[in-house]
Amino acid sequence: MRVIARFNKYVTNPLQRLWAPWLPYMAVIEHTGRKSGKPYRTPVMAFVDSRSVRVVLNYGEHSDWVRNVRAAGSAQVRHRGRHYHLSNPRIIPASDQKARFVASLAPRL
């Protein structure tokens, strides 16, 4: 699975960043590297409602972007042309009733 993740990081993600902020079930997480301090933009599958943004963790909670967001305690999200400031990131266990959503970030609109 890590081979696919690496391929996506360098090949697929740069392409997806072009249209992900505009699609209904996609978004771009804007976060800062916890070691480098560099800004990053990661396309993700996301479900946005009036109180939260739920993100599918395709590669688990140990992905770089997840660790960066958790370390910072916040991130920015671009979804359907709107910007959200997210705070209070948390992992929802797979045993939760929303098993397909394994990360939740609460936006301050």
C-alpha atoms as a PDB file:
ATOM      1  CA  MET A   1       0.000   0.000   0.000  1.00  0.00           C
ATOM      2  CA  ARG A   2       2.886   2.406   0.673  1.00  0.00           C
ATOM      3  CA  VAL A   3       3.953   2.098  -2.992  1.00  0.00           C
ATOM      4  CA  ILE A   4       0.523   3.369  -4.051  1.00  0.00           C
ATOM      5  CA  ALA A   5       0.674   6.136  -1.433  1.00  0.00           C
ATOM      6  CA  ARG A   6       4.067   7.289  -2.722  1.00  0.00           C
ATOM      7  CA  PHE A   7       2.835   7.239  -6.330  1.00  0.00           C
ATOM      8  CA  ASN A   8      -0.230   9.270  -5.354  1.00  0.00           C
ATOM      9  CA  LYS A   9       1.879  11.774  -3.404  1.00  0.00           C
ATOM     10  CA  TYR A  10       4.102  12.613  -6.373  1.00  0.00           C
ATOM     11  CA  VAL A  11       1.905  11.903  -9.412  1.00  0.00           C
ATOM     12  CA  THR A  12      -1.824  11.815  -8.642  1.00  0.00           C
ATOM     13  CA  ASN A  13      -2.048  14.462  -5.890  1.00  0.00           C
ATOM     14  CA  PRO A  14      -0.543  17.317  -7.950  1.00  0.00           C
ATOM     15  CA  LEU A  15      -3.226  16.695 -10.582  1.00  0.00           C
ATOM     16  CA  GLN A  16      -6.036  16.345  -8.046  1.00  0.00           C
ATOM     17  CA  ARG A  17      -5.096  19.629  -6.370  1.00  0.00           C
ATOM     18  CA  LEU A  18      -6.296  21.369  -9.539  1.00  0.00           C
ATOM     19  CA  TRP A  19      -9.936  20.260  -9.253  1.00  0.00           C
ATOM     20  CA  ALA A  20     -10.393  18.840  -5.717  1.00  0.00           C
ATOM     21  CA  PRO A  21     -11.366  22.209  -4.144  1.00  0.00           C
ATOM     22  CA  TRP A  22     -14.364  22.396  -6.495  1.00  0.00           C
ATOM     23  CA  LEU A  23     -15.821  18.867  -6.355  1.00  0.00           C
ATOM     24  CA  PRO A  24     -18.640  17.915  -3.933  1.00  0.00           C
ATOM     25  CA  TYR A  25     -16.846  15.077  -2.120  1.00  0.00           C
ATOM     26  CA  MET A  26     -13.288  16.315  -2.405  1.00  0.00           C
ATOM     27  CA  ALA A  27     -11.327  19.032  -0.605  1.00  0.00           C
ATOM     28  CA  VAL A  28      -7.776  20.266  -0.169  1.00  0.00           C
ATOM     29  CA  ILE A  29      -6.262  20.286   3.320  1.00  0.00           C
ATOM     30  CA  GLU A  30      -3.751  23.123   3.695  1.00  0.00           C
ATOM     31  CA  HIS A  31      -1.314  22.324   6.488  1.00  0.00           C
ATOM     32  CA  THR A  32       2.216  23.067   7.662  1.00  0.00           C
ATOM     33  CA  GLY A  33       4.969  20.466   7.904  1.00  0.00           C
ATOM     34  CA  ARG A  34       5.682  19.661  11.536  1.00  0.00           C
ATOM     35  CA  LYS A  35       9.447  19.338  10.905  1.00  0.00           C
ATOM     36  CA  SER A  36      10.087  21.498   7.836  1.00  0.00           C
ATOM     37  CA  GLY A  37       7.570  24.273   8.484  1.00  0.00           C
ATOM     38  CA  LYS A  38       6.756  24.199   4.749  1.00  0.00           C
ATOM     39  CA  PRO A  39       3.163  24.698   3.574  1.00  0.00           C
ATOM     40  CA  TYR A  40       1.483  21.679   1.967  1.00  0.00           C
ATOM     41  CA  ARG A  41      -1.792  21.128   0.116  1.00  0.00           C
ATOM     42  CA  THR A  42      -3.199  17.608   0.199  1.00  0.00           C
ATOM     43  CA  PRO A  43      -6.302  16.545  -1.773  1.00  0.00           C
ATOM     44  CA  VAL A  44      -8.662  14.337   0.271  1.00  0.00           C
ATOM     45  CA  MET A  45     -12.118  12.809   0.101  1.00  0.00           C
ATOM     46  CA  ALA A  46     -14.185  14.974   2.442  1.00  0.00           C
ATOM     47  CA  PHE A  47     -17.779  15.340   3.593  1.00  0.00           C
ATOM     48  CA  VAL A  48     -18.686  18.844   4.758  1.00  0.00           C
ATOM     49  CA  ASP A  49     -21.750  19.858   6.730  1.00  0.00           C
ATOM     50  CA  SER A  50     -22.608  22.939   8.771  1.00  0.00           C
ATOM     51  CA  ARG A  51     -20.562  21.834  11.811  1.00  0.00           C
ATOM     52  CA  SER A  52     -17.742  19.612  10.637  1.00  0.00           C
ATOM     53  CA  VAL A  53     -15.530  18.287   7.901  1.00  0.00           C
ATOM     54  CA  ARG A  54     -15.110  14.521   7.894  1.00  0.00           C
ATOM     55  CA  VAL A  55     -12.141  13.181   5.976  1.00  0.00           C
ATOM     56  CA  VAL A  56     -11.555   9.620   4.839  1.00  0.00           C
ATOM     57  CA  LEU A  57      -8.101   8.419   5.901  1.00  0.00           C
ATOM     58  CA  ASN A  58      -7.245   6.187   2.955  1.00  0.00           C
ATOM     59  CA  TYR A  59      -3.747   5.511   4.272  1.00  0.00           C
ATOM     60  CA  GLY A  60      -4.501   5.581   7.985  1.00  0.00           C
ATOM     61  CA  GLU A  61      -3.760   8.021  10.757  1.00  0.00           C
ATOM     62  CA  HIS A  62       0.014   7.833  10.208  1.00  0.00           C
ATOM     63  CA  SER A  63      -0.052   9.713   6.889  1.00  0.00           C
ATOM     64  CA  ASP A  64       2.137  12.811   6.895  1.00  0.00           C
ATOM     65  CA  TRP A  65      -0.756  15.233   6.439  1.00  0.00           C
ATOM     66  CA  VAL A  66      -2.711  13.694   9.348  1.00  0.00           C
ATOM     67  CA  ARG A  67       0.307  13.881  11.642  1.00  0.00           C
ATOM     68  CA  ASN A  68       0.938  17.496  10.566  1.00  0.00           C
ATOM     69  CA  VAL A  69      -2.659  18.553  11.268  1.00  0.00           C
ATOM     70  CA  ARG A  70      -2.748  16.774  14.621  1.00  0.00           C
ATOM     71  CA  ALA A  71       0.580  18.304  15.665  1.00  0.00           C
ATOM     72  CA  ALA A  72      -0.575  21.812  14.702  1.00  0.00           C
ATOM     73  CA  GLY A  73      -4.056  21.351  16.155  1.00  0.00           C
ATOM     74  CA  SER A  74      -5.588  23.092  13.140  1.00  0.00           C
ATOM     75  CA  ALA A  75      -5.612  23.359   9.347  1.00  0.00           C
ATOM     76  CA  GLN A  76      -7.299  25.155   6.489  1.00  0.00           C
ATOM     77  CA  VAL A  77      -9.647  23.424   4.057  1.00  0.00           C
ATOM     78  CA  ARG A  78     -10.790  24.473   0.606  1.00  0.00           C
ATOM     79  CA  HIS A  79     -14.073  22.864  -0.396  1.00  0.00           C
ATOM     80  CA  ARG A  80     -16.343  23.900  -3.280  1.00  0.00           C
ATOM     81  CA  GLY A  81     -14.628  27.271  -3.502  1.00  0.00           C
ATOM     82  CA  ARG A  82     -14.945  28.101   0.214  1.00  0.00           C
ATOM     83  CA  HIS A  83     -12.244  28.292   2.868  1.00  0.00           C
ATOM     84  CA  TYR A  84     -12.691  26.826   6.340  1.00  0.00           C
ATOM     85  CA  HIS A  85     -10.444  27.150   9.365  1.00  0.00           C
ATOM     86  CA  LEU A  86     -10.461  23.809  11.135  1.00  0.00           C
ATOM     87  CA  SER A  87      -9.679  23.186  14.759  1.00  0.00           C
ATOM     88  CA  ASN A  88      -9.961  20.339  17.241  1.00  0.00           C
ATOM     89  CA  PRO A  89      -8.857  17.505  14.907  1.00  0.00           C
ATOM     90  CA  ARG A  90      -9.682  14.036  16.170  1.00  0.00           C
ATOM     91  CA  ILE A  91      -9.715  10.469  14.921  1.00  0.00           C
ATOM     92  CA  ILE A  92     -13.059   8.670  15.046  1.00  0.00           C
ATOM     93  CA  PRO A  93     -12.647   4.914  15.639  1.00  0.00           C
ATOM     94  CA  ALA A  94     -13.800   2.574  12.870  1.00  0.00           C
ATOM     95  CA  SER A  95     -16.250   0.993  15.328  1.00  0.00           C
ATOM     96  CA  ASP A  96     -18.160   4.303  15.411  1.00  0.00           C
ATOM     97  CA  GLN A  97     -21.487   4.414  13.571  1.00  0.00           C
ATOM     98  CA  LYS A  98     -19.798   6.570  10.904  1.00  0.00           C
ATOM     99  CA  ALA A  99     -17.163   3.935  10.217  1.00  0.00           C
ATOM    100  CA  ARG A 100     -16.298   5.225   6.776  1.00  0.00           C
ATOM    101  CA  PHE A 101     -15.354   8.599   8.229  1.00  0.00           C
ATOM    102  CA  VAL A 102     -12.274   8.214  10.333  1.00  0.00           C
ATOM    103  CA  ALA A 103     -11.234  11.805  10.896  1.00  0.00           C
ATOM    104  CA  SER A 104     -13.267  14.767  11.935  1.00  0.00           C
ATOM    105  CA  LEU A 105     -12.230  18.404  11.990  1.00  0.00           C
ATOM    106  CA  ALA A 106     -14.583  21.069  13.313  1.00  0.00           C
ATOM    107  CA  PRO A 107     -14.679  24.273  11.234  1.00  0.00           C
ATOM    108  CA  ARG A 108     -15.059  27.779  12.585  1.00  0.00           C
ATOM    109  CA  LEU A 109     -17.152  29.378   9.845  1.00  0.00           C
END
